[in-house]
Amino acid sequence: MTIDVLIPAYRPGKKFARLLAMLEKQTVPVRKIIVINTEKAYWNEAGFSGVRGLEVHHIKKEEFDHGATRNRLMGLSDAEICICMTDDAVPADEHLTENLLKGFEQTGPAGETVIAVYARQLADRDCAPAERFTRSFNYPEESAVKTKADIPRLGIKAYFASNVCCAYRRDLFLKQGGFISRTIFNEDMIFAAGALAAGYGICYEADARVIHSHNYSCMQQLRRNFDLGVSQADHPEVFEGVPSEGEGIRLVKKTAAWLFSTGRLLQIPGLIVKSGFKYAGYRLGKAYRRLPMKAVLWLTMNKNYWRNGK
């Protein structure tokens, strides 16, 4: 099967260089690495030259959109399998593409065809302990195929399919209409929800692994969760019946218990404070229509989304 990797990039640096190097080593070769880079001034032409199959297109910052930019990347490819990645997700080994393809061999319990396979995310070496635990909570060691039948049991987790690293059957992706063309966040989950409703399966393949984590500050977490709340408020048809607060509370409780059991008691107050910022951002995002635009622009991580005519 032909495989292209699709990457929206913004100020790509050392992790992106590692990503490109690891893609060249894959046991199942990548045909093309198609990049849409935001702002040509931030592209290191000399540093990224010589990479086999690399194709770069440049856009202005105001042109970027989480859904529309990835749809444009899909349009630049004619591969059977397209792997969406972010520019800071580094394959953990040479078997990423091989294991993502393995996920497409699976089916749901009623024979559902797998339309997308997403990878396990591992914490980087500089990752804080609480964030490291979050990675293991959201990306367990066991693979699974999720279908519409799992929504009552899994809730919002049924729609989880992160574009940090997620492979799609391109023909079925296009048949489904692709990603929503204008969104502040969650284009991957909104697509997954539609795919499950249409009778497809979403596979989590734990053997396909990328190194990807962040050490966000409290304010960064607030702004990220504000955008998450906005996306959920804008798409009640997807998120209204599967609230995410319960899953968030469960994560905080599990993380606190893990910090306690591993003797990291002094980190529990920090976890509680950061969780409060996350929840505040999420609730503010859900209620963004009642906020003045000045407050929205202060809270969001994606100011261009609003300036381009939300």
C-alpha atoms as a PDB file:
ATOM      1  CA  MET A   1       0.000   0.000   0.000  1.00  0.00           C
ATOM      2  CA  THR A   2       1.329   3.454  -0.865  1.00  0.00           C
ATOM      3  CA  ILE A   3       1.909   5.677   2.176  1.00  0.00           C
ATOM      4  CA  ASP A   4       2.293   9.451   2.359  1.00  0.00           C
ATOM      5  CA  VAL A   5       2.914  11.389   5.559  1.00  0.00           C
ATOM      6  CA  LEU A   6       1.100  14.734   5.865  1.00  0.00           C
ATOM      7  CA  ILE A   7       2.446  17.364   8.258  1.00  0.00           C
ATOM      8  CA  PRO A   8       1.317  20.933   8.995  1.00  0.00           C
ATOM      9  CA  ALA A   9       4.427  22.704  10.314  1.00  0.00           C
ATOM     10  CA  TYR A  10       5.054  25.941  12.180  1.00  0.00           C
ATOM     11  CA  ARG A  11       8.592  26.950  13.139  1.00  0.00           C
ATOM     12  CA  PRO A  12       9.849  23.359  12.813  1.00  0.00           C
ATOM     13  CA  GLY A  13      13.041  22.656  14.738  1.00  0.00           C
ATOM     14  CA  LYS A  14      15.112  19.797  16.141  1.00  0.00           C
ATOM     15  CA  LYS A  15      12.161  17.471  16.775  1.00  0.00           C
ATOM     16  CA  PHE A  16      11.045  17.920  13.184  1.00  0.00           C
ATOM     17  CA  ALA A  17      14.548  17.031  11.982  1.00  0.00           C
ATOM     18  CA  ARG A  18      14.405  13.869  14.135  1.00  0.00           C
ATOM     19  CA  LEU A  19      10.953  13.091  12.744  1.00  0.00           C
ATOM     20  CA  LEU A  20      12.214  13.305   9.160  1.00  0.00           C
ATOM     21  CA  ALA A  21      15.247  11.162   9.955  1.00  0.00           C
ATOM     22  CA  MET A  22      13.096   8.445  11.536  1.00  0.00           C
ATOM     23  CA  LEU A  23      10.621   8.439   8.650  1.00  0.00           C
ATOM     24  CA  GLU A  24      13.512   7.630   6.301  1.00  0.00           C
ATOM     25  CA  LYS A  25      14.300   4.512   8.390  1.00  0.00           C
ATOM     26  CA  GLN A  26      10.852   2.900   8.367  1.00  0.00           C
ATOM     27  CA  THR A  27      10.589  -0.810   7.543  1.00  0.00           C
ATOM     28  CA  VAL A  28       7.549  -0.032   5.361  1.00  0.00           C
ATOM     29  CA  PRO A  29       8.767   2.918   3.280  1.00  0.00           C
ATOM     30  CA  VAL A  30       7.081   6.290   3.110  1.00  0.00           C
ATOM     31  CA  ARG A  31       6.607   7.440  -0.482  1.00  0.00           C
ATOM     32  CA  LYS A  32       6.255  11.182   0.164  1.00  0.00           C
ATOM     33  CA  ILE A  33       6.397  13.525   3.154  1.00  0.00           C
ATOM     34  CA  ILE A  34       4.100  16.412   2.271  1.00  0.00           C
ATOM     35  CA  VAL A  35       4.438  19.500   4.462  1.00  0.00           C
ATOM     36  CA  ILE A  36       2.353  22.652   4.569  1.00  0.00           C
ATOM     37  CA  ASN A  37       4.548  25.116   6.414  1.00  0.00           C
ATOM     38  CA  THR A  38       3.155  28.255   8.001  1.00  0.00           C
ATOM     39  CA  GLU A  39       5.295  31.293   7.105  1.00  0.00           C
ATOM     40  CA  LYS A  40       8.192  30.614   4.716  1.00  0.00           C
ATOM     41  CA  ALA A  41      10.523  32.768   6.850  1.00  0.00           C
ATOM     42  CA  TYR A  42      10.483  30.057   9.548  1.00  0.00           C
ATOM     43  CA  TRP A  43      11.466  27.222   7.179  1.00  0.00           C
ATOM     44  CA  ASN A  44      15.074  26.035   7.361  1.00  0.00           C
ATOM     45  CA  GLU A  45      15.672  25.290   3.685  1.00  0.00           C
ATOM     46  CA  ALA A  46      19.261  24.167   4.166  1.00  0.00           C
ATOM     47  CA  GLY A  47      18.565  22.150   7.300  1.00  0.00           C
ATOM     48  CA  PHE A  48      15.776  20.066   5.769  1.00  0.00           C
ATOM     49  CA  SER A  49      17.175  19.652   2.248  1.00  0.00           C
ATOM     50  CA  GLY A  50      18.116  16.237   0.937  1.00  0.00           C
ATOM     51  CA  VAL A  51      15.249  14.375   2.638  1.00  0.00           C
ATOM     52  CA  ARG A  52      13.900  11.748   0.248  1.00  0.00           C
ATOM     53  CA  GLY A  53      10.338  12.446  -0.886  1.00  0.00           C
ATOM     54  CA  LEU A  54       9.988  15.755   0.974  1.00  0.00           C
ATOM     55  CA  GLU A  55       7.524  18.153  -0.650  1.00  0.00           C
ATOM     56  CA  VAL A  56       6.953  21.556   0.976  1.00  0.00           C
ATOM     57  CA  HIS A  57       4.205  24.130   0.433  1.00  0.00           C
ATOM     58  CA  HIS A  58       4.139  27.469   2.257  1.00  0.00           C
ATOM     59  CA  ILE A  59       1.131  29.416   3.546  1.00  0.00           C
ATOM     60  CA  LYS A  60       0.582  32.584   5.575  1.00  0.00           C
ATOM     61  CA  LYS A  61      -0.318  32.343   9.246  1.00  0.00           C
ATOM     62  CA  GLU A  62      -3.827  33.671   8.626  1.00  0.00           C
ATOM     63  CA  GLU A  63      -4.447  30.845   6.124  1.00  0.00           C
ATOM     64  CA  PHE A  64      -3.900  28.043   8.635  1.00  0.00           C
ATOM     65  CA  ASP A  65      -6.856  26.064   9.945  1.00  0.00           C
ATOM     66  CA  HIS A  66      -6.689  22.735  11.794  1.00  0.00           C
ATOM     67  CA  GLY A  67      -9.193  21.086   9.467  1.00  0.00           C
ATOM     68  CA  ALA A  68      -8.819  22.953   6.164  1.00  0.00           C
ATOM     69  CA  THR A  69      -5.006  22.736   6.106  1.00  0.00           C
ATOM     70  CA  ARG A  70      -5.096  18.966   6.629  1.00  0.00           C
ATOM     71  CA  ASN A  71      -7.773  18.630   3.931  1.00  0.00           C
ATOM     72  CA  ARG A  72      -5.452  20.524   1.598  1.00  0.00           C
ATOM     73  CA  LEU A  73      -2.658  18.096   2.486  1.00  0.00           C
ATOM     74  CA  MET A  74      -4.955  15.175   1.640  1.00  0.00           C
ATOM     75  CA  GLY A  75      -5.645  16.830  -1.700  1.00  0.00           C
ATOM     76  CA  LEU A  76      -1.924  16.952  -2.449  1.00  0.00           C
ATOM     77  CA  SER A  77      -1.652  13.169  -2.031  1.00  0.00           C
ATOM     78  CA  ASP A  78      -2.963  10.220  -4.011  1.00  0.00           C
ATOM     79  CA  ALA A  79      -1.638   7.540  -1.631  1.00  0.00           C
ATOM     80  CA  GLU A  80      -3.829   4.713  -0.366  1.00  0.00           C
ATOM     81  CA  ILE A  81      -2.853   5.473   3.237  1.00  0.00           C
ATOM     82  CA  CYS A  82      -2.203   9.004   4.510  1.00  0.00           C
ATOM     83  CA  ILE A  83      -0.614   9.457   7.923  1.00  0.00           C
ATOM     84  CA  CYS A  84      -1.373  12.795   9.570  1.00  0.00           C
ATOM     85  CA  MET A  85       1.358  13.876  11.988  1.00  0.00           C
ATOM     86  CA  THR A  86       2.368  17.005  13.845  1.00  0.00           C
ATOM     87  CA  ASP A  87       5.851  18.463  13.409  1.00  0.00           C
ATOM     88  CA  ASP A  88       6.901  17.521  16.964  1.00  0.00           C
ATOM     89  CA  ALA A  89       5.887  13.829  16.949  1.00  0.00           C
ATOM     90  CA  VAL A  90       8.940  11.594  16.505  1.00  0.00           C
ATOM     91  CA  PRO A  91       8.572   7.893  15.586  1.00  0.00           C
ATOM     92  CA  ALA A  92       9.869   5.837  18.505  1.00  0.00           C
ATOM     93  CA  ASP A  93      11.341   3.174  16.211  1.00  0.00           C
ATOM     94  CA  GLU A  94      11.585   1.964  12.608  1.00  0.00           C
ATOM     95  CA  HIS A  95       8.256   0.106  12.761  1.00  0.00           C
ATOM     96  CA  LEU A  96       5.751   2.978  13.007  1.00  0.00           C
ATOM     97  CA  THR A  97       4.353   2.679   9.473  1.00  0.00           C
ATOM     98  CA  GLU A  98       4.430  -1.126   9.631  1.00  0.00           C
ATOM     99  CA  ASN A  99       2.394  -1.157  12.829  1.00  0.00           C
ATOM    100  CA  LEU A 100      -0.070   1.489  11.668  1.00  0.00           C
ATOM    101  CA  LEU A 101      -0.808  -0.682   8.614  1.00  0.00           C
ATOM    102  CA  LYS A 102      -1.331  -3.624  10.959  1.00  0.00           C
ATOM    103  CA  GLY A 103      -4.245  -1.730  12.492  1.00  0.00           C
ATOM    104  CA  PHE A 104      -6.078  -1.668   9.146  1.00  0.00           C
ATOM    105  CA  GLU A 105      -6.086  -5.481   9.150  1.00  0.00           C
ATOM    106  CA  GLN A 106      -8.385  -5.413  12.189  1.00  0.00           C
ATOM    107  CA  THR A 107     -12.180  -5.170  12.124  1.00  0.00           C
ATOM    108  CA  GLY A 108     -14.820  -4.249  14.651  1.00  0.00           C
ATOM    109  CA  PRO A 109     -16.855  -6.932  16.482  1.00  0.00           C
ATOM    110  CA  ALA A 110     -19.578  -6.744  13.817  1.00  0.00           C
ATOM    111  CA  GLY A 111     -17.069  -6.694  10.953  1.00  0.00           C
ATOM    112  CA  GLU A 112     -16.729  -2.895  10.807  1.00  0.00           C
ATOM    113  CA  THR A 113     -13.990  -1.678   8.441  1.00  0.00           C
ATOM    114  CA  VAL A 114     -11.247   0.332  10.143  1.00  0.00           C
ATOM    115  CA  ILE A 115     -11.090   3.789   8.558  1.00  0.00           C
ATOM    116  CA  ALA A 116      -8.334   5.243  10.787  1.00  0.00           C
ATOM    117  CA  VAL A 117      -5.517   3.966  13.003  1.00  0.00           C
ATOM    118  CA  TYR A 118      -3.905   6.191  15.608  1.00  0.00           C
ATOM    119  CA  ALA A 119      -0.611   5.681  17.396  1.00  0.00           C
ATOM    120  CA  ARG A 120       0.419   5.461  21.011  1.00  0.00           C
ATOM    121  CA  GLN A 121       2.088   8.615  22.348  1.00  0.00           C
ATOM    122  CA  LEU A 122       5.066   8.194  24.670  1.00  0.00           C
ATOM    123  CA  ALA A 123       6.434  10.891  26.954  1.00  0.00           C
ATOM    124  CA  ASP A 124       9.701  12.558  25.966  1.00  0.00           C
ATOM    125  CA  ARG A 125      12.714  12.531  28.300  1.00  0.00           C
ATOM    126  CA  ASP A 126      12.029  16.025  29.647  1.00  0.00           C
ATOM    127  CA  CYS A 127       8.385  15.273  30.457  1.00  0.00           C
ATOM    128  CA  ALA A 128       7.113  16.045  33.981  1.00  0.00           C
ATOM    129  CA  PRO A 129       5.931  13.006  36.021  1.00  0.00           C
ATOM    130  CA  ALA A 130       2.228  13.964  36.042  1.00  0.00           C
ATOM    131  CA  GLU A 131       2.220  14.507  32.271  1.00  0.00           C
ATOM    132  CA  ARG A 132       4.075  11.213  31.837  1.00  0.00           C
ATOM    133  CA  PHE A 133       1.275   9.457  33.730  1.00  0.00           C
ATOM    134  CA  THR A 134      -1.335  11.243  31.582  1.00  0.00           C
ATOM    135  CA  ARG A 135       0.300   9.738  28.488  1.00  0.00           C
ATOM    136  CA  SER A 136       0.000   6.222  29.940  1.00  0.00           C
ATOM    137  CA  PHE A 137      -3.627   6.938  30.959  1.00  0.00           C
ATOM    138  CA  ASN A 138      -4.677   8.129  27.495  1.00  0.00           C
ATOM    139  CA  TYR A 139      -2.475   5.695  25.558  1.00  0.00           C
ATOM    140  CA  PRO A 140      -2.486   2.293  27.291  1.00  0.00           C
ATOM    141  CA  GLU A 141      -0.490  -0.790  26.299  1.00  0.00           C
ATOM    142  CA  GLU A 142      -3.481  -2.635  24.813  1.00  0.00           C
ATOM    143  CA  SER A 143      -4.674  -2.026  21.249  1.00  0.00           C
ATOM    144  CA  ALA A 144      -8.398  -1.769  20.522  1.00  0.00           C
ATOM    145  CA  VAL A 145     -10.930  -1.162  17.744  1.00  0.00           C
ATOM    146  CA  LYS A 146     -13.690   1.277  18.702  1.00  0.00           C
ATOM    147  CA  THR A 147     -17.098   1.308  17.021  1.00  0.00           C
ATOM    148  CA  LYS A 148     -20.473   2.984  17.480  1.00  0.00           C
ATOM    149  CA  ALA A 149     -21.414   0.245  19.953  1.00  0.00           C
ATOM    150  CA  ASP A 150     -18.662   1.467  22.322  1.00  0.00           C
ATOM    151  CA  ILE A 151     -20.020   5.022  22.735  1.00  0.00           C
ATOM    152  CA  PRO A 152     -22.280   4.213  25.748  1.00  0.00           C
ATOM    153  CA  ARG A 153     -19.325   2.523  27.494  1.00  0.00           C
ATOM    154  CA  LEU A 154     -16.467   4.831  26.520  1.00  0.00           C
ATOM    155  CA  GLY A 155     -18.270   8.160  26.199  1.00  0.00           C
ATOM    156  CA  ILE A 156     -16.074  10.845  24.650  1.00  0.00           C
ATOM    157  CA  LYS A 157     -13.111   8.437  24.575  1.00  0.00           C
ATOM    158  CA  ALA A 158     -14.863   6.608  21.717  1.00  0.00           C
ATOM    159  CA  TYR A 159     -14.099   9.610  19.476  1.00  0.00           C
ATOM    160  CA  PHE A 160     -10.471   9.890  20.516  1.00  0.00           C
ATOM    161  CA  ALA A 161      -8.137   9.547  17.486  1.00  0.00           C
ATOM    162  CA  SER A 162      -5.297  12.029  17.700  1.00  0.00           C
ATOM    163  CA  ASN A 163      -3.827  13.614  14.565  1.00  0.00           C
ATOM    164  CA  VAL A 164      -0.494  13.820  16.373  1.00  0.00           C
ATOM    165  CA  CYS A 165      -0.132  10.517  14.511  1.00  0.00           C
ATOM    166  CA  CYS A 166      -3.139   8.974  12.790  1.00  0.00           C
ATOM    167  CA  ALA A 167      -3.317   7.004   9.537  1.00  0.00           C
ATOM    168  CA  TYR A 168      -6.381   7.187   7.280  1.00  0.00           C
ATOM    169  CA  ARG A 169      -7.657   5.156   4.342  1.00  0.00           C
ATOM    170  CA  ARG A 170      -7.670   8.062   1.930  1.00  0.00           C
ATOM    171  CA  ASP A 171     -10.558   6.843  -0.237  1.00  0.00           C
ATOM    172  CA  LEU A 172     -12.867   6.339   2.750  1.00  0.00           C
ATOM    173  CA  PHE A 173     -11.679   9.590   4.312  1.00  0.00           C
ATOM    174  CA  LEU A 174     -12.744  11.482   1.188  1.00  0.00           C
ATOM    175  CA  LYS A 175     -16.012   9.524   1.012  1.00  0.00           C
ATOM    176  CA  GLN A 176     -16.756  10.748   4.546  1.00  0.00           C
ATOM    177  CA  GLY A 177     -16.144  14.354   3.469  1.00  0.00           C
ATOM    178  CA  GLY A 178     -12.776  14.817   5.154  1.00  0.00           C
ATOM    179  CA  PHE A 179     -12.183  17.019   8.164  1.00  0.00           C
ATOM    180  CA  ILE A 180     -14.492  19.869   8.991  1.00  0.00           C
ATOM    181  CA  SER A 181     -13.078  22.740   6.938  1.00  0.00           C
ATOM    182  CA  ARG A 182     -13.120  25.358   9.676  1.00  0.00           C
ATOM    183  CA  THR A 183     -12.437  24.487  13.295  1.00  0.00           C
ATOM    184  CA  ILE A 184     -10.386  25.809  16.184  1.00  0.00           C
ATOM    185  CA  PHE A 185      -9.563  22.342  17.517  1.00  0.00           C
ATOM    186  CA  ASN A 186     -10.650  18.673  17.554  1.00  0.00           C
ATOM    187  CA  GLU A 187     -10.888  18.132  13.789  1.00  0.00           C
ATOM    188  CA  ASP A 188      -9.726  14.553  14.415  1.00  0.00           C
ATOM    189  CA  MET A 189     -12.413  13.765  17.016  1.00  0.00           C
ATOM    190  CA  ILE A 190     -15.175  15.367  14.943  1.00  0.00           C
ATOM    191  CA  PHE A 191     -14.146  13.208  11.976  1.00  0.00           C
ATOM    192  CA  ALA A 192     -13.979  10.095  14.185  1.00  0.00           C
ATOM    193  CA  ALA A 193     -17.489  10.744  15.513  1.00  0.00           C
ATOM    194  CA  GLY A 194     -18.856  10.920  11.977  1.00  0.00           C
ATOM    195  CA  ALA A 195     -16.941   7.797  10.970  1.00  0.00           C
ATOM    196  CA  LEU A 196     -18.344   5.793  13.884  1.00  0.00           C
ATOM    197  CA  ALA A 197     -21.864   7.006  13.084  1.00  0.00           C
ATOM    198  CA  ALA A 198     -21.347   5.837   9.485  1.00  0.00           C
ATOM    199  CA  GLY A 199     -20.483   2.334  10.692  1.00  0.00           C
ATOM    200  CA  TYR A 200     -16.687   2.371  10.521  1.00  0.00           C
ATOM    201  CA  GLY A 201     -14.181   1.402  13.201  1.00  0.00           C
ATOM    202  CA  ILE A 202     -11.341   3.466  14.691  1.00  0.00           C
ATOM    203  CA  CYS A 203      -8.273   1.476  15.724  1.00  0.00           C
ATOM    204  CA  TYR A 204      -5.859   2.375  18.497  1.00  0.00           C
ATOM    205  CA  GLU A 205      -2.623   0.544  17.691  1.00  0.00           C
ATOM    206  CA  ALA A 206      -0.407   0.455  20.778  1.00  0.00           C
ATOM    207  CA  ASP A 207       2.565  -1.017  18.884  1.00  0.00           C
ATOM    208  CA  ALA A 208       2.709   2.078  16.645  1.00  0.00           C
ATOM    209  CA  ARG A 209       4.533   4.560  18.859  1.00  0.00           C
ATOM    210  CA  VAL A 210       5.585   8.193  18.638  1.00  0.00           C
ATOM    211  CA  ILE A 211       7.389  10.330  21.189  1.00  0.00           C
ATOM    212  CA  HIS A 212       5.236  13.369  21.890  1.00  0.00           C
ATOM    213  CA  SER A 213       4.553  15.327  25.073  1.00  0.00           C
ATOM    214  CA  HIS A 214       4.362  18.878  26.374  1.00  0.00           C
ATOM    215  CA  ASN A 215       5.220  20.612  29.631  1.00  0.00           C
ATOM    216  CA  TYR A 216       2.502  23.250  29.468  1.00  0.00           C
ATOM    217  CA  SER A 217       2.296  26.001  32.091  1.00  0.00           C
ATOM    218  CA  CYS A 218      -0.983  26.684  33.895  1.00  0.00           C
ATOM    219  CA  MET A 219      -1.868  29.498  31.486  1.00  0.00           C
ATOM    220  CA  GLN A 220      -0.997  27.394  28.450  1.00  0.00           C
ATOM    221  CA  GLN A 221      -3.271  24.646  29.756  1.00  0.00           C
ATOM    222  CA  LEU A 222      -6.056  27.179  30.349  1.00  0.00           C
ATOM    223  CA  ARG A 223      -5.777  28.484  26.778  1.00  0.00           C
ATOM    224  CA  ARG A 224      -5.560  25.024  25.242  1.00  0.00           C
ATOM    225  CA  ASN A 225      -8.645  23.886  27.139  1.00  0.00           C
ATOM    226  CA  PHE A 226     -10.451  27.106  26.250  1.00  0.00           C
ATOM    227  CA  ASP A 227     -10.088  26.188  22.572  1.00  0.00           C
ATOM    228  CA  LEU A 228     -11.174  22.643  23.359  1.00  0.00           C
ATOM    229  CA  GLY A 229     -14.304  24.003  25.054  1.00  0.00           C
ATOM    230  CA  VAL A 230     -15.015  26.270  22.069  1.00  0.00           C
ATOM    231  CA  SER A 231     -14.851  23.315  19.673  1.00  0.00           C
ATOM    232  CA  GLN A 232     -17.286  21.349  21.817  1.00  0.00           C
ATOM    233  CA  ALA A 233     -19.655  24.306  22.109  1.00  0.00           C
ATOM    234  CA  ASP A 234     -19.605  24.714  18.323  1.00  0.00           C
ATOM    235  CA  HIS A 235     -20.398  21.040  17.699  1.00  0.00           C
ATOM    236  CA  PRO A 236     -23.152  19.941  20.087  1.00  0.00           C
ATOM    237  CA  GLU A 237     -24.206  17.325  17.530  1.00  0.00           C
ATOM    238  CA  VAL A 238     -20.946  15.513  18.356  1.00  0.00           C
ATOM    239  CA  PHE A 239     -20.179  16.336  21.984  1.00  0.00           C
ATOM    240  CA  GLU A 240     -23.489  17.087  23.721  1.00  0.00           C
ATOM    241  CA  GLY A 241     -24.258  13.485  24.602  1.00  0.00           C
ATOM    242  CA  VAL A 242     -20.720  12.610  25.711  1.00  0.00           C
ATOM    243  CA  PRO A 243     -19.532  15.212  28.260  1.00  0.00           C
ATOM    244  CA  SER A 244     -15.804  15.136  28.995  1.00  0.00           C
ATOM    245  CA  GLU A 245     -15.860  16.403  32.603  1.00  0.00           C
ATOM    246  CA  GLY A 246     -16.185  12.892  34.055  1.00  0.00           C
ATOM    247  CA  GLU A 247     -13.183  11.620  32.137  1.00  0.00           C
ATOM    248  CA  GLY A 248     -11.160  14.640  33.279  1.00  0.00           C
ATOM    249  CA  ILE A 249     -12.036  14.063  36.930  1.00  0.00           C
ATOM    250  CA  ARG A 250     -11.111  10.383  36.608  1.00  0.00           C
ATOM    251  CA  LEU A 251      -7.712  11.363  35.168  1.00  0.00           C
ATOM    252  CA  VAL A 252      -7.011  13.792  38.032  1.00  0.00           C
ATOM    253  CA  LYS A 253      -7.919  11.163  40.647  1.00  0.00           C
ATOM    254  CA  LYS A 254      -5.796   8.485  38.988  1.00  0.00           C
ATOM    255  CA  THR A 255      -2.837  10.862  38.611  1.00  0.00           C
ATOM    256  CA  ALA A 256      -3.043  11.975  42.254  1.00  0.00           C
ATOM    257  CA  ALA A 257      -3.169   8.340  43.392  1.00  0.00           C
ATOM    258  CA  TRP A 258      -0.132   7.535  41.242  1.00  0.00           C
ATOM    259  CA  LEU A 259       1.837  10.508  42.573  1.00  0.00           C
ATOM    260  CA  PHE A 260       0.975   9.416  46.129  1.00  0.00           C
ATOM    261  CA  SER A 261       1.926   5.765  45.527  1.00  0.00           C
ATOM    262  CA  THR A 262       5.276   6.749  43.997  1.00  0.00           C
ATOM    263  CA  GLY A 263       6.214   9.113  46.826  1.00  0.00           C
ATOM    264  CA  ARG A 264       5.671  12.346  44.872  1.00  0.00           C
ATOM    265  CA  LEU A 265       3.350  13.908  47.436  1.00  0.00           C
ATOM    266  CA  LEU A 266       4.738  17.414  46.943  1.00  0.00           C
ATOM    267  CA  GLN A 267       3.596  17.361  43.318  1.00  0.00           C
ATOM    268  CA  ILE A 268      -0.073  16.771  44.185  1.00  0.00           C
ATOM    269  CA  PRO A 269      -0.860  20.459  44.996  1.00  0.00           C
ATOM    270  CA  GLY A 270       0.625  21.450  41.622  1.00  0.00           C
ATOM    271  CA  LEU A 271      -1.547  18.843  39.907  1.00  0.00           C
ATOM    272  CA  ILE A 272      -4.664  20.252  41.600  1.00  0.00           C
ATOM    273  CA  VAL A 273      -3.796  23.835  40.636  1.00  0.00           C
ATOM    274  CA  LYS A 274      -3.064  22.927  37.007  1.00  0.00           C
ATOM    275  CA  SER A 275      -6.238  20.847  36.820  1.00  0.00           C
ATOM    276  CA  GLY A 276      -8.174  23.881  38.049  1.00  0.00           C
ATOM    277  CA  PHE A 277      -6.726  25.969  35.225  1.00  0.00           C
ATOM    278  CA  LYS A 278      -7.669  23.245  32.724  1.00  0.00           C
ATOM    279  CA  TYR A 279     -11.241  23.101  33.986  1.00  0.00           C
ATOM    280  CA  ALA A 280     -11.607  26.881  34.083  1.00  0.00           C
ATOM    281  CA  GLY A 281     -10.385  27.144  30.511  1.00  0.00           C
ATOM    282  CA  TYR A 282     -12.752  24.412  29.377  1.00  0.00           C
ATOM    283  CA  ARG A 283     -15.798  25.986  31.048  1.00  0.00           C
ATOM    284  CA  LEU A 284     -14.927  29.437  29.676  1.00  0.00           C
ATOM    285  CA  GLY A 285     -14.578  27.938  26.210  1.00  0.00           C
ATOM    286  CA  LYS A 286     -17.961  26.249  26.459  1.00  0.00           C
ATOM    287  CA  ALA A 287     -19.445  29.644  27.386  1.00  0.00           C
ATOM    288  CA  TYR A 288     -17.423  31.726  24.897  1.00  0.00           C
ATOM    289  CA  ARG A 289     -20.530  33.250  23.294  1.00  0.00           C
ATOM    290  CA  ARG A 290     -21.224  35.126  26.525  1.00  0.00           C
ATOM    291  CA  LEU A 291     -17.722  36.612  26.676  1.00  0.00           C
ATOM    292  CA  PRO A 292     -16.558  39.893  25.098  1.00  0.00           C
ATOM    293  CA  MET A 293     -14.250  39.389  22.100  1.00  0.00           C
ATOM    294  CA  LYS A 294     -11.400  41.041  24.000  1.00  0.00           C
ATOM    295  CA  ALA A 295     -11.605  38.275  26.610  1.00  0.00           C
ATOM    296  CA  VAL A 296     -11.856  35.564  23.936  1.00  0.00           C
ATOM    297  CA  LEU A 297      -8.714  36.835  22.209  1.00  0.00           C
ATOM    298  CA  TRP A 298      -6.864  36.846  25.528  1.00  0.00           C
ATOM    299  CA  LEU A 299      -7.973  33.299  26.349  1.00  0.00           C
ATOM    300  CA  THR A 300      -7.465  31.533  23.023  1.00  0.00           C
ATOM    301  CA  MET A 301      -4.309  29.864  21.710  1.00  0.00           C
ATOM    302  CA  ASN A 302      -5.474  30.485  18.144  1.00  0.00           C
ATOM    303  CA  LYS A 303      -6.108  34.200  17.677  1.00  0.00           C
ATOM    304  CA  ASN A 304      -6.206  33.988  13.867  1.00  0.00           C
ATOM    305  CA  TYR A 305      -9.248  31.728  14.063  1.00  0.00           C
ATOM    306  CA  TRP A 306     -11.238  34.621  15.513  1.00  0.00           C
ATOM    307  CA  ARG A 307      -9.605  37.362  13.464  1.00  0.00           C
ATOM    308  CA  ASN A 308     -10.451  35.498  10.260  1.00  0.00           C
ATOM    309  CA  GLY A 309     -14.160  35.820  10.941  1.00  0.00           C
ATOM    310  CA  LYS A 310     -15.344  33.208  13.418  1.00  0.00           C
END
